[in-house]
Amino acid sequence: MMKAGELDRRIMIEEKTVTNSDSGEEIITWLPLVTVWARKIEAKGAERFSGQELFGAAVKTFQIRWSLYASTITTKHRLLFDGRTYDITDVREIGRREGLEIDCFTKSEEMITS
């Protein structure tokens, strides 16, 4: 069971909407779906770390409590944390509606330039 004290990071999940301009061009807008408290899980194992360096991406995993809004999160959404935007790569249920584990990544400029 997740303890409230472990959920010490604030994340926002955004949903993509597509509209068309007068000229027919697609306009992509990201709108907030839900803002929740989360637990950040550090990368585990050498394979995941080497993957971060190889692809120049910062990989994160977050755990959140299950809720009606949270249960709709998919890989079509994106996650905002600490001023960065992350693409969601996987969402897994923890227990039976106890929570969700969200894997995501963002390109890391520090890793790309160094």
PDB file of N, CA and C in Angstrom:
ATOM      1  N   MET A   1       0.840  -1.183   0.000  1.00  0.00           N
ATOM      2  CA  MET A   1       0.000   0.000   0.000  1.00  0.00           C
ATOM      3  C   MET A   1       0.884   1.245   0.000  1.00  0.00           C
ATOM      4  N   MET A   2       0.517   2.233  -0.807  1.00  0.00           N
ATOM      5  CA  MET A   2       1.273   3.481  -0.874  1.00  0.00           C
ATOM      6  C   MET A   2       0.963   4.362   0.319  1.00  0.00           C
ATOM      7  N   LYS A   3       2.008   4.885   0.932  1.00  0.00           N
ATOM      8  CA  LYS A   3       1.840   5.789   2.059  1.00  0.00           C
ATOM      9  C   LYS A   3       1.850   7.225   1.540  1.00  0.00           C
ATOM     10  N   ALA A   4       1.030   8.070   2.132  1.00  0.00           N
ATOM     11  CA  ALA A   4       0.896   9.460   1.678  1.00  0.00           C
ATOM     12  C   ALA A   4       2.234  10.190   1.688  1.00  0.00           C
ATOM     13  N   GLY A   5       3.074   9.921   2.679  1.00  0.00           N
ATOM     14  CA  GLY A   5       4.366  10.598   2.774  1.00  0.00           C
ATOM     15  C   GLY A   5       5.318  10.285   1.639  1.00  0.00           C
ATOM     16  N   GLU A   6       5.107   9.147   0.974  1.00  0.00           N
ATOM     17  CA  GLU A   6       5.954   8.770  -0.158  1.00  0.00           C
ATOM     18  C   GLU A   6       5.595   9.540  -1.423  1.00  0.00           C
ATOM     19  N   LEU A   7       4.387  10.062  -1.478  1.00  0.00           N
ATOM     20  CA  LEU A   7       3.919  10.801  -2.657  1.00  0.00           C
ATOM     21  C   LEU A   7       4.306  12.265  -2.489  1.00  0.00           C
ATOM     22  N   ASP A   8       5.577  12.567  -2.792  1.00  0.00           N
ATOM     23  CA  ASP A   8       6.121  13.892  -2.493  1.00  0.00           C
ATOM     24  C   ASP A   8       6.485  14.709  -3.730  1.00  0.00           C
ATOM     25  N   ARG A   9       6.058  14.264  -4.911  1.00  0.00           N
ATOM     26  CA  ARG A   9       6.322  14.991  -6.159  1.00  0.00           C
ATOM     27  C   ARG A   9       4.999  15.327  -6.824  1.00  0.00           C
ATOM     28  N   ARG A  10       4.903  16.528  -7.340  1.00  0.00           N
ATOM     29  CA  ARG A  10       3.679  16.960  -8.020  1.00  0.00           C
ATOM     30  C   ARG A  10       3.887  16.793  -9.522  1.00  0.00           C
ATOM     31  N   ILE A  11       2.994  16.044 -10.176  1.00  0.00           N
ATOM     32  CA  ILE A  11       3.079  15.857 -11.618  1.00  0.00           C
ATOM     33  C   ILE A  11       1.746  16.226 -12.255  1.00  0.00           C
ATOM     34  N   MET A  12       1.819  16.619 -13.508  1.00  0.00           N
ATOM     35  CA  MET A  12       0.601  16.924 -14.269  1.00  0.00           C
ATOM     36  C   MET A  12       0.580  16.015 -15.492  1.00  0.00           C
ATOM     37  N   ILE A  13      -0.567  15.445 -15.758  1.00  0.00           N
ATOM     38  CA  ILE A  13      -0.773  14.643 -16.961  1.00  0.00           C
ATOM     39  C   ILE A  13      -1.557  15.510 -17.940  1.00  0.00           C
ATOM     40  N   GLU A  14      -1.075  15.565 -19.183  1.00  0.00           N
ATOM     41  CA  GLU A  14      -1.745  16.364 -20.206  1.00  0.00           C
ATOM     42  C   GLU A  14      -2.259  15.464 -21.328  1.00  0.00           C
ATOM     43  N   GLU A  15      -3.342  15.937 -21.932  1.00  0.00           N
ATOM     44  CA  GLU A  15      -3.993  15.213 -23.019  1.00  0.00           C
ATOM     45  C   GLU A  15      -3.887  16.041 -24.299  1.00  0.00           C
ATOM     46  N   LYS A  16      -3.552  15.363 -25.398  1.00  0.00           N
ATOM     47  CA  LYS A  16      -3.389  16.050 -26.686  1.00  0.00           C
ATOM     48  C   LYS A  16      -4.741  16.245 -27.355  1.00  0.00           C
ATOM     49  N   THR A  17      -4.960  17.455 -27.854  1.00  0.00           N
ATOM     50  CA  THR A  17      -6.140  17.732 -28.669  1.00  0.00           C
ATOM     51  C   THR A  17      -5.656  18.280 -30.010  1.00  0.00           C
ATOM     52  N   VAL A  18      -6.341  17.898 -31.055  1.00  0.00           N
ATOM     53  CA  VAL A  18      -5.973  18.337 -32.401  1.00  0.00           C
ATOM     54  C   VAL A  18      -7.148  19.083 -33.008  1.00  0.00           C
ATOM     55  N   THR A  19      -6.881  20.292 -33.474  1.00  0.00           N
ATOM     56  CA  THR A  19      -7.883  21.079 -34.184  1.00  0.00           C
ATOM     57  C   THR A  19      -7.280  21.511 -35.515  1.00  0.00           C
ATOM     58  N   ASN A  20      -8.090  22.083 -36.358  1.00  0.00           N
ATOM     59  CA  ASN A  20      -7.608  22.559 -37.658  1.00  0.00           C
ATOM     60  C   ASN A  20      -7.743  24.073 -37.738  1.00  0.00           C
ATOM     61  N   SER A  21      -6.718  24.689 -38.302  1.00  0.00           N
ATOM     62  CA  SER A  21      -6.772  26.128 -38.526  1.00  0.00           C
ATOM     63  C   SER A  21      -7.669  26.398 -39.731  1.00  0.00           C
ATOM     64  N   ASP A  22      -7.899  27.670 -40.001  1.00  0.00           N
ATOM     65  CA  ASP A  22      -8.730  28.040 -41.156  1.00  0.00           C
ATOM     66  C   ASP A  22      -8.139  27.526 -42.464  1.00  0.00           C
ATOM     67  N   SER A  23      -6.804  27.406 -42.510  1.00  0.00           N
ATOM     68  CA  SER A  23      -6.146  26.922 -43.726  1.00  0.00           C
ATOM     69  C   SER A  23      -6.079  25.398 -43.784  1.00  0.00           C
ATOM     70  N   GLY A  24      -6.601  24.721 -42.763  1.00  0.00           N
ATOM     71  CA  GLY A  24      -6.624  23.264 -42.753  1.00  0.00           C
ATOM     72  C   GLY A  24      -5.439  22.624 -42.061  1.00  0.00           C
ATOM     73  N   GLU A  25      -4.522  23.458 -41.567  1.00  0.00           N
ATOM     74  CA  GLU A  25      -3.340  22.936 -40.877  1.00  0.00           C
ATOM     75  C   GLU A  25      -3.731  22.428 -39.488  1.00  0.00           C
ATOM     76  N   GLU A  26      -3.160  21.270 -39.106  1.00  0.00           N
ATOM     77  CA  GLU A  26      -3.447  20.721 -37.776  1.00  0.00           C
ATOM     78  C   GLU A  26      -2.748  21.537 -36.700  1.00  0.00           C
ATOM     79  N   ILE A  27      -3.492  21.837 -35.648  1.00  0.00           N
ATOM     80  CA  ILE A  27      -2.936  22.548 -34.497  1.00  0.00           C
ATOM     81  C   ILE A  27      -3.034  21.616 -33.299  1.00  0.00           C
ATOM     82  N   ILE A  28      -1.875  21.282 -32.720  1.00  0.00           N
ATOM     83  CA  ILE A  28      -1.828  20.382 -31.570  1.00  0.00           C
ATOM     84  C   ILE A  28      -1.724  21.213 -30.302  1.00  0.00           C
ATOM     85  N   THR A  29      -2.618  20.942 -29.377  1.00  0.00           N
ATOM     86  CA  THR A  29      -2.638  21.628 -28.085  1.00  0.00           C
ATOM     87  C   THR A  29      -2.663  20.570 -26.993  1.00  0.00           C
ATOM     88  N   TRP A  30      -1.913  20.812 -25.914  1.00  0.00           N
ATOM     89  CA  TRP A  30      -1.909  19.901 -24.768  1.00  0.00           C
ATOM     90  C   TRP A  30      -2.678  20.552 -23.635  1.00  0.00           C
ATOM     91  N   LEU A  31      -3.719  19.864 -23.156  1.00  0.00           N
ATOM     92  CA  LEU A  31      -4.556  20.389 -22.081  1.00  0.00           C
ATOM     93  C   LEU A  31      -4.394  19.535 -20.828  1.00  0.00           C
ATOM     94  N   PRO A  32      -4.416  20.175 -19.645  1.00  0.00           N
ATOM     95  CA  PRO A  32      -4.292  19.405 -18.395  1.00  0.00           C
ATOM     96  C   PRO A  32      -5.434  18.407 -18.230  1.00  0.00           C
ATOM     97  N   LEU A  33      -5.083  17.165 -17.894  1.00  0.00           N
ATOM     98  CA  LEU A  33      -6.068  16.138 -17.593  1.00  0.00           C
ATOM     99  C   LEU A  33      -6.227  16.004 -16.082  1.00  0.00           C
ATOM    100  N   VAL A  34      -5.095  15.884 -15.380  1.00  0.00           N
ATOM    101  CA  VAL A  34      -5.117  15.718 -13.933  1.00  0.00           C
ATOM    102  C   VAL A  34      -3.747  16.097 -13.363  1.00  0.00           C
ATOM    103  N   THR A  35      -3.754  16.689 -12.170  1.00  0.00           N
ATOM    104  CA  THR A  35      -2.534  16.977 -11.418  1.00  0.00           C
ATOM    105  C   THR A  35      -2.605  16.168 -10.138  1.00  0.00           C
ATOM    106  N   VAL A  36      -1.560  15.381  -9.886  1.00  0.00           N
ATOM    107  CA  VAL A  36      -1.581  14.463  -8.744  1.00  0.00           C
ATOM    108  C   VAL A  36      -0.236  14.455  -8.027  1.00  0.00           C
ATOM    109  N   TRP A  37      -0.265  13.923  -6.801  1.00  0.00           N
ATOM    110  CA  TRP A  37       0.958  13.677  -6.055  1.00  0.00           C
ATOM    111  C   TRP A  37       1.504  12.328  -6.483  1.00  0.00           C
ATOM    112  N   ALA A  38       2.821  12.235  -6.604  1.00  0.00           N
ATOM    113  CA  ALA A  38       3.453  11.011  -7.089  1.00  0.00           C
ATOM    114  C   ALA A  38       4.728  10.703  -6.310  1.00  0.00           C
ATOM    115  N   ARG A  39       5.147   9.475  -6.450  1.00  0.00           N
ATOM    116  CA  ARG A  39       6.430   9.025  -5.909  1.00  0.00           C
ATOM    117  C   ARG A  39       7.341   8.777  -7.094  1.00  0.00           C
ATOM    118  N   LYS A  40       8.532   9.392  -7.088  1.00  0.00           N
ATOM    119  CA  LYS A  40       9.491   9.183  -8.166  1.00  0.00           C
ATOM    120  C   LYS A  40      10.364   7.990  -7.799  1.00  0.00           C
ATOM    121  N   ILE A  41      10.506   7.066  -8.728  1.00  0.00           N
ATOM    122  CA  ILE A  41      11.330   5.884  -8.514  1.00  0.00           C
ATOM    123  C   ILE A  41      12.586   6.034  -9.359  1.00  0.00           C
ATOM    124  N   GLU A  42      13.727   5.896  -8.719  1.00  0.00           N
ATOM    125  CA  GLU A  42      14.996   6.039  -9.428  1.00  0.00           C
ATOM    126  C   GLU A  42      15.202   4.863 -10.379  1.00  0.00           C
ATOM    127  N   ALA A  43      15.985   5.100 -11.438  1.00  0.00           N
ATOM    128  CA  ALA A  43      16.302   4.058 -12.413  1.00  0.00           C
ATOM    129  C   ALA A  43      16.980   2.895 -11.713  1.00  0.00           C
ATOM    130  N   LYS A  44      16.606   1.687 -12.123  1.00  0.00           N
ATOM    131  CA  LYS A  44      17.159   0.481 -11.505  1.00  0.00           C
ATOM    132  C   LYS A  44      17.992  -0.288 -12.529  1.00  0.00           C
ATOM    133  N   GLY A  45      19.148  -0.751 -12.114  1.00  0.00           N
ATOM    134  CA  GLY A  45      19.934  -1.662 -12.942  1.00  0.00           C
ATOM    135  C   GLY A  45      20.777  -0.982 -13.991  1.00  0.00           C
ATOM    136  N   ALA A  46      21.847  -1.652 -14.374  1.00  0.00           N
ATOM    137  CA  ALA A  46      22.807  -1.108 -15.337  1.00  0.00           C
ATOM    138  C   ALA A  46      22.207  -0.983 -16.728  1.00  0.00           C
ATOM    139  N   GLU A  47      21.329  -1.906 -17.106  1.00  0.00           N
ATOM    140  CA  GLU A  47      20.755  -1.870 -18.442  1.00  0.00           C
ATOM    141  C   GLU A  47      19.953  -0.594 -18.655  1.00  0.00           C
ATOM    142  N   ARG A  48      19.166  -0.218 -17.693  1.00  0.00           N
ATOM    143  CA  ARG A  48      18.361   0.991 -17.812  1.00  0.00           C
ATOM    144  C   ARG A  48      19.252   2.222 -17.848  1.00  0.00           C
ATOM    145  N   PHE A  49      20.304   2.233 -17.027  1.00  0.00           N
ATOM    146  CA  PHE A  49      21.216   3.383 -16.996  1.00  0.00           C
ATOM    147  C   PHE A  49      21.943   3.521 -18.321  1.00  0.00           C
ATOM    148  N   SER A  50      22.468   2.418 -18.846  1.00  0.00           N
ATOM    149  CA  SER A  50      23.188   2.503 -20.112  1.00  0.00           C
ATOM    150  C   SER A  50      22.234   2.913 -21.228  1.00  0.00           C
ATOM    151  N   GLY A  51      20.974   2.526 -21.133  1.00  0.00           N
ATOM    152  CA  GLY A  51      19.990   2.948 -22.109  1.00  0.00           C
ATOM    153  C   GLY A  51      19.794   4.449 -22.085  1.00  0.00           C
ATOM    154  N   GLN A  52      19.843   5.032 -20.885  1.00  0.00           N
ATOM    155  CA  GLN A  52      19.709   6.480 -20.773  1.00  0.00           C
ATOM    156  C   GLN A  52      20.857   7.169 -21.495  1.00  0.00           C
ATOM    157  N   GLU A  53      22.070   6.686 -21.312  1.00  0.00           N
ATOM    158  CA  GLU A  53      23.223   7.312 -21.951  1.00  0.00           C
ATOM    159  C   GLU A  53      23.222   7.067 -23.457  1.00  0.00           C
ATOM    160  N   LEU A  54      22.872   5.841 -23.852  1.00  0.00           N
ATOM    161  CA  LEU A  54      22.882   5.493 -25.255  1.00  0.00           C
ATOM    162  C   LEU A  54      21.917   6.342 -26.068  1.00  0.00           C
ATOM    163  N   PHE A  55      20.732   6.512 -25.577  1.00  0.00           N
ATOM    164  CA  PHE A  55      19.708   7.224 -26.334  1.00  0.00           C
ATOM    165  C   PHE A  55      19.606   8.697 -25.971  1.00  0.00           C
ATOM    166  N   GLY A  56      20.422   9.159 -25.008  1.00  0.00           N
ATOM    167  CA  GLY A  56      20.368  10.560 -24.619  1.00  0.00           C
ATOM    168  C   GLY A  56      19.024  10.945 -24.054  1.00  0.00           C
ATOM    169  N   ALA A  57      18.410  10.058 -23.271  1.00  0.00           N
ATOM    170  CA  ALA A  57      17.089  10.329 -22.717  1.00  0.00           C
ATOM    171  C   ALA A  57      17.121  10.148 -21.205  1.00  0.00           C
ATOM    172  N   ALA A  58      16.385  11.000 -20.508  1.00  0.00           N
ATOM    173  CA  ALA A  58      16.204  10.851 -19.063  1.00  0.00           C
ATOM    174  C   ALA A  58      14.961  10.005 -18.853  1.00  0.00           C
ATOM    175  N   VAL A  59      15.126   8.856 -18.209  1.00  0.00           N
ATOM    176  CA  VAL A  59      14.023   7.926 -17.983  1.00  0.00           C
ATOM    177  C   VAL A  59      13.564   8.046 -16.534  1.00  0.00           C
ATOM    178  N   LYS A  60      12.256   8.128 -16.321  1.00  0.00           N
ATOM    179  CA  LYS A  60      11.689   8.238 -14.973  1.00  0.00           C
ATOM    180  C   LYS A  60      10.525   7.264 -14.841  1.00  0.00           C
ATOM    181  N   THR A  61      10.288   6.842 -13.609  1.00  0.00           N
ATOM    182  CA  THR A  61       9.104   6.061 -13.274  1.00  0.00           C
ATOM    183  C   THR A  61       8.435   6.736 -12.095  1.00  0.00           C
ATOM    184  N   PHE A  62       7.134   6.935 -12.191  1.00  0.00           N
ATOM    185  CA  PHE A  62       6.357   7.547 -11.116  1.00  0.00           C
ATOM    186  C   PHE A  62       5.256   6.596 -10.692  1.00  0.00           C
ATOM    187  N   GLN A  63       4.937   6.602  -9.403  1.00  0.00           N
ATOM    188  CA  GLN A  63       3.788   5.868  -8.887  1.00  0.00           C
ATOM    189  C   GLN A  63       2.783   6.881  -8.371  1.00  0.00           C
ATOM    190  N   ILE A  64       1.507   6.649  -8.703  1.00  0.00           N
ATOM    191  CA  ILE A  64       0.437   7.520  -8.226  1.00  0.00           C
ATOM    192  C   ILE A  64      -0.688   6.645  -7.680  1.00  0.00           C
ATOM    193  N   ARG A  65      -1.546   7.242  -6.877  1.00  0.00           N
ATOM    194  CA  ARG A  65      -2.714   6.510  -6.384  1.00  0.00           C
ATOM    195  C   ARG A  65      -3.732   6.342  -7.495  1.00  0.00           C
ATOM    196  N   TRP A  66      -4.468   5.246  -7.426  1.00  0.00           N
ATOM    197  CA  TRP A  66      -5.506   4.995  -8.413  1.00  0.00           C
ATOM    198  C   TRP A  66      -6.661   5.961  -8.167  1.00  0.00           C
ATOM    199  N   SER A  67      -7.217   6.483  -9.225  1.00  0.00           N
ATOM    200  CA  SER A  67      -8.429   7.300  -9.171  1.00  0.00           C
ATOM    201  C   SER A  67      -9.119   7.149 -10.516  1.00  0.00           C
ATOM    202  N   LEU A  68     -10.316   7.653 -10.605  1.00  0.00           N
ATOM    203  CA  LEU A  68     -11.046   7.572 -11.861  1.00  0.00           C
ATOM    204  C   LEU A  68     -10.284   8.269 -12.985  1.00  0.00           C
ATOM    205  N   TYR A  69      -9.754   9.476 -12.714  1.00  0.00           N
ATOM    206  CA  TYR A  69      -8.985  10.193 -13.736  1.00  0.00           C
ATOM    207  C   TYR A  69      -7.686   9.466 -14.043  1.00  0.00           C
ATOM    208  N   ALA A  70      -6.993   9.008 -12.999  1.00  0.00           N
ATOM    209  CA  ALA A  70      -5.714   8.330 -13.198  1.00  0.00           C
ATOM    210  C   ALA A  70      -5.885   7.071 -14.037  1.00  0.00           C
ATOM    211  N   SER A  71      -7.006   6.399 -13.881  1.00  0.00           N
ATOM    212  CA  SER A  71      -7.214   5.150 -14.606  1.00  0.00           C
ATOM    213  C   SER A  71      -7.348   5.356 -16.115  1.00  0.00           C
ATOM    214  N   THR A  72      -7.507   6.589 -16.563  1.00  0.00           N
ATOM    215  CA  THR A  72      -7.627   6.867 -17.999  1.00  0.00           C
ATOM    216  C   THR A  72      -6.287   7.208 -18.647  1.00  0.00           C
ATOM    217  N   ILE A  73      -5.213   7.266 -17.867  1.00  0.00           N
ATOM    218  CA  ILE A  73      -3.893   7.634 -18.400  1.00  0.00           C
ATOM    219  C   ILE A  73      -3.375   6.523 -19.303  1.00  0.00           C
ATOM    220  N   THR A  74      -2.902   6.920 -20.494  1.00  0.00           N
ATOM    221  CA  THR A  74      -2.337   5.971 -21.461  1.00  0.00           C
ATOM    222  C   THR A  74      -1.045   6.558 -22.041  1.00  0.00           C
ATOM    223  N   THR A  75      -0.465   5.835 -22.967  1.00  0.00           N
ATOM    224  CA  THR A  75       0.751   6.308 -23.637  1.00  0.00           C
ATOM    225  C   THR A  75       0.448   7.442 -24.624  1.00  0.00           C
ATOM    226  N   LYS A  76      -0.818   7.772 -24.813  1.00  0.00           N
ATOM    227  CA  LYS A  76      -1.175   8.912 -25.667  1.00  0.00           C
ATOM    228  C   LYS A  76      -1.064  10.237 -24.911  1.00  0.00           C
ATOM    229  N   HIS A  77      -0.894  10.155 -23.593  1.00  0.00           N
ATOM    230  CA  HIS A  77      -0.758  11.354 -22.769  1.00  0.00           C
ATOM    231  C   HIS A  77       0.717  11.685 -22.571  1.00  0.00           C
ATOM    232  N   ARG A  78       0.976  12.832 -21.944  1.00  0.00           N
ATOM    233  CA  ARG A  78       2.342  13.178 -21.558  1.00  0.00           C
ATOM    234  C   ARG A  78       2.336  13.668 -20.122  1.00  0.00           C
ATOM    235  N   LEU A  79       3.521  13.716 -19.523  1.00  0.00           N
ATOM    236  CA  LEU A  79       3.667  14.023 -18.108  1.00  0.00           C
ATOM    237  C   LEU A  79       4.584  15.232 -17.947  1.00  0.00           C
ATOM    238  N   LEU A  80       4.208  16.155 -17.077  1.00  0.00           N
ATOM    239  CA  LEU A  80       5.051  17.303 -16.761  1.00  0.00           C
ATOM    240  C   LEU A  80       5.546  17.163 -15.334  1.00  0.00           C
ATOM    241  N   PHE A  81       6.867  17.301 -15.164  1.00  0.00           N
ATOM    242  CA  PHE A  81       7.472  17.212 -13.843  1.00  0.00           C
ATOM    243  C   PHE A  81       8.729  18.068 -13.813  1.00  0.00           C
ATOM    244  N   ASP A  82       8.837  18.890 -12.793  1.00  0.00           N
ATOM    245  CA  ASP A  82      10.048  19.664 -12.545  1.00  0.00           C
ATOM    246  C   ASP A  82      10.492  20.467 -13.772  1.00  0.00           C
ATOM    247  N   GLY A  83       9.522  21.066 -14.460  1.00  0.00           N
ATOM    248  CA  GLY A  83       9.821  21.923 -15.602  1.00  0.00           C
ATOM    249  C   GLY A  83      10.143  21.189 -16.896  1.00  0.00           C
ATOM    250  N   ARG A  84       9.988  19.872 -16.913  1.00  0.00           N
ATOM    251  CA  ARG A  84      10.266  19.096 -18.112  1.00  0.00           C
ATOM    252  C   ARG A  84       9.024  18.343 -18.571  1.00  0.00           C
ATOM    253  N   THR A  85       8.979  18.068 -19.863  1.00  0.00           N
ATOM    254  CA  THR A  85       7.890  17.309 -20.461  1.00  0.00           C
ATOM    255  C   THR A  85       8.396  15.912 -20.781  1.00  0.00           C
ATOM    256  N   TYR A  86       7.640  14.903 -20.353  1.00  0.00           N
ATOM    257  CA  TYR A  86       8.008  13.503 -20.550  1.00  0.00           C
ATOM    258  C   TYR A  86       6.952  12.796 -21.392  1.00  0.00           C
ATOM    259  N   ASP A  87       7.405  11.989 -22.343  1.00  0.00           N
ATOM    260  CA  ASP A  87       6.498  11.118 -23.106  1.00  0.00           C
ATOM    261  C   ASP A  87       6.274   9.856 -22.285  1.00  0.00           C
ATOM    262  N   ILE A  88       5.027   9.450 -22.154  1.00  0.00           N
ATOM    263  CA  ILE A  88       4.694   8.250 -21.383  1.00  0.00           C
ATOM    264  C   ILE A  88       4.875   7.026 -22.284  1.00  0.00           C
ATOM    265  N   THR A  89       5.656   6.045 -21.781  1.00  0.00           N
ATOM    266  CA  THR A  89       5.934   4.843 -22.562  1.00  0.00           C
ATOM    267  C   THR A  89       5.178   3.621 -22.058  1.00  0.00           C
ATOM    268  N   ASP A  90       4.748   3.637 -20.785  1.00  0.00           N
ATOM    269  CA  ASP A  90       4.017   2.491 -20.243  1.00  0.00           C
ATOM    270  C   ASP A  90       3.260   2.907 -18.988  1.00  0.00           C
ATOM    271  N   VAL A  91       2.101   2.305 -18.778  1.00  0.00           N
ATOM    272  CA  VAL A  91       1.291   2.533 -17.582  1.00  0.00           C
ATOM    273  C   VAL A  91       0.848   1.165 -17.078  1.00  0.00           C
ATOM    274  N   ARG A  92       1.161   0.869 -15.797  1.00  0.00           N
ATOM    275  CA  ARG A  92       0.804  -0.425 -15.218  1.00  0.00           C
ATOM    276  C   ARG A  92       0.031  -0.226 -13.926  1.00  0.00           C
ATOM    277  N   GLU A  93      -0.970  -1.082 -13.719  1.00  0.00           N
ATOM    278  CA  GLU A  93      -1.745  -1.035 -12.479  1.00  0.00           C
ATOM    279  C   GLU A  93      -0.945  -1.697 -11.361  1.00  0.00           C
ATOM    280  N   ILE A  94      -0.971  -1.093 -10.178  1.00  0.00           N
ATOM    281  CA  ILE A  94      -0.333  -1.653  -8.993  1.00  0.00           C
ATOM    282  C   ILE A  94      -1.442  -2.271  -8.150  1.00  0.00           C
ATOM    283  N   GLY A  95      -1.309  -3.552  -7.855  1.00  0.00           N
ATOM    284  CA  GLY A  95      -2.345  -4.214  -7.057  1.00  0.00           C
ATOM    285  C   GLY A  95      -3.686  -4.167  -7.753  1.00  0.00           C
ATOM    286  N   ARG A  96      -4.729  -4.159  -6.953  1.00  0.00           N
ATOM    287  CA  ARG A  96      -6.088  -4.059  -7.502  1.00  0.00           C
ATOM    288  C   ARG A  96      -6.599  -2.659  -7.197  1.00  0.00           C
ATOM    289  N   ARG A  97      -6.407  -1.770  -8.179  1.00  0.00           N
ATOM    290  CA  ARG A  97      -6.819  -0.362  -8.056  1.00  0.00           C
ATOM    291  C   ARG A  97      -6.159   0.349  -6.874  1.00  0.00           C
ATOM    292  N   GLU A  98      -4.944  -0.077  -6.545  1.00  0.00           N
ATOM    293  CA  GLU A  98      -4.193   0.621  -5.498  1.00  0.00           C
ATOM    294  C   GLU A  98      -3.477   1.831  -6.079  1.00  0.00           C
ATOM    295  N   GLY A  99      -2.908   1.659  -7.256  1.00  0.00           N
ATOM    296  CA  GLY A  99      -2.177   2.758  -7.865  1.00  0.00           C
ATOM    297  C   GLY A  99      -1.782   2.421  -9.287  1.00  0.00           C
ATOM    298  N   LEU A 100      -1.029   3.345  -9.884  1.00  0.00           N
ATOM    299  CA  LEU A 100      -0.495   3.160 -11.227  1.00  0.00           C
ATOM    300  C   LEU A 100       0.987   3.468 -11.213  1.00  0.00           C
ATOM    301  N   GLU A 101       1.720   2.752 -12.032  1.00  0.00           N
ATOM    302  CA  GLU A 101       3.135   3.027 -12.227  1.00  0.00           C
ATOM    303  C   GLU A 101       3.282   3.529 -13.655  1.00  0.00           C
ATOM    304  N   ILE A 102       3.922   4.677 -13.810  1.00  0.00           N
ATOM    305  CA  ILE A 102       4.023   5.330 -15.113  1.00  0.00           C
ATOM    306  C   ILE A 102       5.490   5.449 -15.495  1.00  0.00           C
ATOM    307  N   ASP A 103       5.879   4.833 -16.615  1.00  0.00           N
ATOM    308  CA  ASP A 103       7.224   4.989 -17.163  1.00  0.00           C
ATOM    309  C   ASP A 103       7.181   6.088 -18.209  1.00  0.00           C
ATOM    310  N   CYS A 104       8.204   6.943 -18.203  1.00  0.00           N
ATOM    311  CA  CYS A 104       8.239   8.033 -19.170  1.00  0.00           C
ATOM    312  C   CYS A 104       9.680   8.443 -19.444  1.00  0.00           C
ATOM    313  N   PHE A 105       9.886   9.221 -20.504  1.00  0.00           N
ATOM    314  CA  PHE A 105      11.234   9.690 -20.828  1.00  0.00           C
ATOM    315  C   PHE A 105      11.165  11.069 -21.467  1.00  0.00           C
ATOM    316  N   THR A 106      12.295  11.757 -21.377  1.00  0.00           N
ATOM    317  CA  THR A 106      12.476  13.020 -22.071  1.00  0.00           C
ATOM    318  C   THR A 106      13.913  13.075 -22.548  1.00  0.00           C
ATOM    319  N   LYS A 107      14.159  13.755 -23.640  1.00  0.00           N
ATOM    320  CA  LYS A 107      15.535  13.909 -24.094  1.00  0.00           C
ATOM    321  C   LYS A 107      16.267  14.807 -23.115  1.00  0.00           C
ATOM    322  N   SER A 108      17.419  14.359 -22.706  1.00  0.00           N
ATOM    323  CA  SER A 108      18.213  15.098 -21.739  1.00  0.00           C
ATOM    324  C   SER A 108      19.300  15.872 -22.462  1.00  0.00           C
ATOM    325  N   GLU A 109      19.237  17.193 -22.411  1.00  0.00           N
ATOM    326  CA  GLU A 109      20.231  18.009 -23.099  1.00  0.00           C
ATOM    327  C   GLU A 109      21.621  17.811 -22.522  1.00  0.00           C
ATOM    328  N   GLU A 110      21.729  17.556 -21.189  1.00  0.00           N
ATOM    329  CA  GLU A 110      23.034  17.328 -20.589  1.00  0.00           C
ATOM    330  C   GLU A 110      23.685  16.090 -21.186  1.00  0.00           C
ATOM    331  N   MET A 111      22.890  15.024 -21.416  1.00  0.00           N
ATOM    332  CA  MET A 111      23.448  13.785 -21.943  1.00  0.00           C
ATOM    333  C   MET A 111      23.777  13.918 -23.426  1.00  0.00           C
ATOM    334  N   ILE A 112      22.998  14.713 -24.146  1.00  0.00           N
ATOM    335  CA  ILE A 112      23.240  14.855 -25.589  1.00  0.00           C
ATOM    336  C   ILE A 112      24.493  15.682 -25.854  1.00  0.00           C
ATOM    337  N   THR A 113      24.709  16.744 -25.067  1.00  0.00           N
ATOM    338  CA  THR A 113      25.841  17.636 -25.317  1.00  0.00           C
ATOM    339  C   THR A 113      27.139  17.164 -24.693  1.00  0.00           C
ATOM    340  N   SER A 114      27.079  16.253 -23.711  1.00  0.00           N
ATOM    341  CA  SER A 114      28.341  15.822 -23.082  1.00  0.00           C
ATOM    342  C   SER A 114      28.856  14.529 -23.657  1.00  0.00           C
TER     343      SER A 114
END
